[in-house]
């Protein structure tokens, strides 16, 4: 999976402890091709999804020592729209030989817009590289209501590289 995003943050860099609100947009691009089951029953998921998300966070930011800060706080994410090209196939195998189903999803969807996820975001920013660029790492843990979608999940953990342009 590849995630690319742009976020805007507001904080007071000269203070040791500050509040860091953040809003932004991101694009998640992922491909999948996996099979589950065996001779009894099996299913196959294949496809590509490009998802466009909105996100926000309100973090408390603390300078650990000069040039390095850590921020932590609640975050949220919601799907604006997605473009999917996916297929699903299920076969009952030897247990239910008459059971076979297939489905395809192609095009745009906004089905999940009203189901945001909420979580905790941790941001570690390192020293300036050349006075104008900072690099860091983000860990974002999100929870959401499990839905009938391409995958059945209710939690995600994202680990990202962060580049800040001052």
Protein backbone atom coordinates (compact mmCIF):
# COMPACT_ATOMS: atom_id res chain seq x y z
CA UNK A 1 0.00 0.00 0.00
CA UNK A 2 1.20 3.49 -0.79
CA UNK A 3 -0.17 6.53 1.03
CA UNK A 4 0.55 10.10 -0.05
CA UNK A 5 -0.94 13.08 1.71
CA UNK A 6 -0.66 16.73 2.48
CA UNK A 7 -1.49 18.16 5.90
CA UNK A 8 -1.52 21.63 7.41
CA UNK A 9 -0.52 22.07 11.07
CA UNK A 10 -0.63 25.07 13.37
CA UNK A 11 1.56 25.33 16.46
CA UNK A 12 3.99 27.68 18.20
CA UNK A 13 7.51 26.37 17.46
CA UNK A 14 9.16 28.58 20.07
CA UNK A 15 7.20 27.06 22.98
CA UNK A 16 8.18 23.87 24.80
CA UNK A 17 4.55 22.65 25.04
CA UNK A 18 1.90 23.61 22.47
CA UNK A 19 -1.31 22.36 20.90
CA UNK A 20 -0.93 21.16 17.28
CA UNK A 21 -4.21 21.01 15.31
CA UNK A 22 -3.85 19.36 11.91
CA UNK A 23 -6.11 18.84 8.87
CA UNK A 24 -5.34 17.29 5.51
CA UNK A 25 -6.07 15.09 2.54
CA UNK A 26 -4.49 11.79 1.59
CA UNK A 27 -4.64 9.21 -1.17
CA UNK A 28 -4.25 5.50 -0.41
CA UNK A 29 -3.36 3.22 -3.31
CA UNK A 30 -3.36 -0.51 -2.80
CA UNK A 31 -3.52 -3.72 -4.79
CA UNK A 32 -4.58 -7.09 -3.47
CA UNK A 33 -4.67 -10.66 -4.72
CA UNK A 34 -5.29 -13.31 -2.09
CA UNK A 35 -7.06 -16.59 -1.68
CA UNK A 36 -8.57 -18.10 1.43
CA UNK A 37 -9.71 -21.65 2.06
CA UNK A 38 -9.01 -24.99 0.47
CA UNK A 39 -10.96 -27.96 -0.89
CA UNK A 40 -13.84 -27.51 1.54
CA UNK A 41 -14.58 -23.89 0.53
CA UNK A 42 -12.52 -21.07 -0.87
CA UNK A 43 -12.69 -17.41 -1.77
CA UNK A 44 -10.56 -15.16 -3.97
CA UNK A 45 -10.19 -11.37 -3.70
CA UNK A 46 -8.39 -9.47 -6.47
CA UNK A 47 -8.20 -5.84 -7.43
CA UNK A 48 -6.99 -2.31 -6.94
CA UNK A 49 -8.43 0.52 -4.86
CA UNK A 50 -7.55 4.22 -4.83
CA UNK A 51 -9.12 5.93 -1.80
CA UNK A 52 -9.28 9.68 -1.16
CA UNK A 53 -9.49 10.54 2.55
CA UNK A 54 -9.86 13.59 4.75
CA UNK A 55 -8.16 13.61 8.13
CA UNK A 56 -7.73 15.68 11.26
CA UNK A 57 -5.94 15.54 14.59
CA UNK A 58 -5.49 17.67 17.70
CA UNK A 59 -2.20 16.80 19.37
CA UNK A 60 -0.23 18.06 22.33
CA UNK A 61 3.31 18.75 21.12
CA UNK A 62 6.35 18.71 23.41
CA UNK A 63 9.95 19.65 22.63
CA UNK A 64 12.01 16.78 23.99
CA UNK A 65 15.32 18.52 23.32
CA UNK A 66 16.39 21.16 20.75
CA UNK A 67 15.36 20.09 17.26
CA UNK A 68 13.24 17.09 18.30
CA UNK A 69 9.55 17.14 19.18
CA UNK A 70 6.89 14.55 19.90
CA UNK A 71 3.15 15.08 19.48
CA UNK A 72 0.28 12.82 20.55
CA UNK A 73 -3.48 13.15 20.48
CA UNK A 74 -6.82 12.07 19.04
CA UNK A 75 -7.23 11.79 15.27
CA UNK A 76 -9.96 11.01 12.79
CA UNK A 77 -10.20 9.97 9.17
CA UNK A 78 -13.08 9.66 6.72
CA UNK A 79 -13.37 8.42 3.18
CA UNK A 80 -14.31 11.12 0.66
CA UNK A 81 -14.53 8.76 -2.32
CA UNK A 82 -12.76 5.77 -3.81
CA UNK A 83 -12.17 4.24 -7.20
CA UNK A 84 -12.31 0.46 -7.10
CA UNK A 85 -11.62 -2.25 -9.62
CA UNK A 86 -12.16 -5.37 -7.54
CA UNK A 87 -13.58 -8.87 -7.85
CA UNK A 88 -14.66 -11.47 -5.33
CA UNK A 89 -15.36 -15.15 -5.93
CA UNK A 90 -16.65 -17.75 -3.49
CA UNK A 91 -16.99 -21.48 -4.09
CA UNK A 92 -18.64 -23.93 -1.70
CA UNK A 93 -16.15 -26.66 -2.66
CA UNK A 94 -16.90 -30.14 -1.37
CA UNK A 95 -19.04 -28.87 1.52
CA UNK A 96 -21.59 -26.99 -0.63
CA UNK A 97 -20.91 -27.98 -4.27
CA UNK A 98 -23.93 -26.05 -5.58
CA UNK A 99 -22.89 -22.78 -3.94
CA UNK A 100 -20.87 -20.43 -6.11
CA UNK A 101 -20.95 -16.64 -6.25
CA UNK A 102 -19.01 -13.89 -7.96
CA UNK A 103 -19.14 -10.12 -7.73
CA UNK A 104 -17.30 -7.19 -9.24
CA UNK A 105 -16.99 -3.60 -8.13
CA UNK A 106 -15.84 -1.01 -10.63
CA UNK A 107 -15.94 2.77 -10.47
CA UNK A 108 -16.51 5.42 -7.84
CA UNK A 109 -18.06 4.88 -4.43
CA UNK A 110 -18.98 7.20 -1.56
CA UNK A 111 -20.66 4.48 0.47
CA UNK A 112 -18.54 4.93 3.59
CA UNK A 113 -18.53 8.76 3.84
CA UNK A 114 -20.74 8.72 6.94
CA UNK A 115 -18.57 6.16 8.78
CA UNK A 116 -15.44 7.96 10.02
CA UNK A 117 -12.73 6.23 11.98
CA UNK A 118 -11.24 7.67 15.17
CA UNK A 119 -7.92 6.96 16.78
CA UNK A 120 -4.65 8.08 18.29
CA UNK A 121 -1.86 9.74 16.34
CA UNK A 122 1.77 9.96 17.47
CA UNK A 123 4.23 12.15 15.57
CA UNK A 124 7.99 12.24 16.17
CA UNK A 125 9.78 15.05 14.32
CA UNK A 126 13.55 15.07 14.04
CA UNK A 127 16.03 17.88 13.66
CA UNK A 128 16.04 20.20 10.66
CA UNK A 129 17.93 18.73 7.72
CA UNK A 130 18.90 22.07 6.15
CA UNK A 131 17.04 24.63 8.22
CA UNK A 132 13.78 24.33 6.25
CA UNK A 133 12.98 20.61 6.13
CA UNK A 134 12.18 18.32 9.06
CA UNK A 135 11.68 14.57 8.87
CA UNK A 136 9.76 12.35 11.22
CA UNK A 137 7.68 9.26 11.76
CA UNK A 138 3.93 9.01 12.30
CA UNK A 139 2.08 6.12 13.93
CA UNK A 140 -1.69 6.40 13.50
CA UNK A 141 -3.98 3.79 15.08
CA UNK A 142 -7.63 4.01 13.92
CA UNK A 143 -10.81 2.24 15.02
CA UNK A 144 -14.06 2.09 13.07
CA UNK A 145 -17.29 0.17 12.89
CA UNK A 146 -16.74 -3.05 10.94
CA UNK A 147 -18.57 -2.90 7.63
CA UNK A 148 -19.39 -5.08 4.68
CA UNK A 149 -16.69 -3.90 2.32
CA UNK A 150 -13.88 -5.47 0.34
CA UNK A 151 -12.30 -6.51 3.61
CA UNK A 152 -13.79 -7.02 7.06
CA UNK A 153 -11.78 -4.95 9.53
CA UNK A 154 -12.34 -2.58 12.39
CA UNK A 155 -8.76 -1.43 13.18
CA UNK A 156 -5.81 -0.15 11.20
CA UNK A 157 -2.30 0.91 12.13
CA UNK A 158 -0.37 3.14 9.75
CA UNK A 159 3.32 3.89 10.05
CA UNK A 160 4.39 6.77 7.79
CA UNK A 161 7.42 8.90 6.99
CA UNK A 162 6.72 12.59 7.48
CA UNK A 163 8.45 15.43 5.64
CA UNK A 164 7.73 18.93 6.97
CA UNK A 165 8.46 22.00 4.86
CA UNK A 166 8.90 25.03 7.10
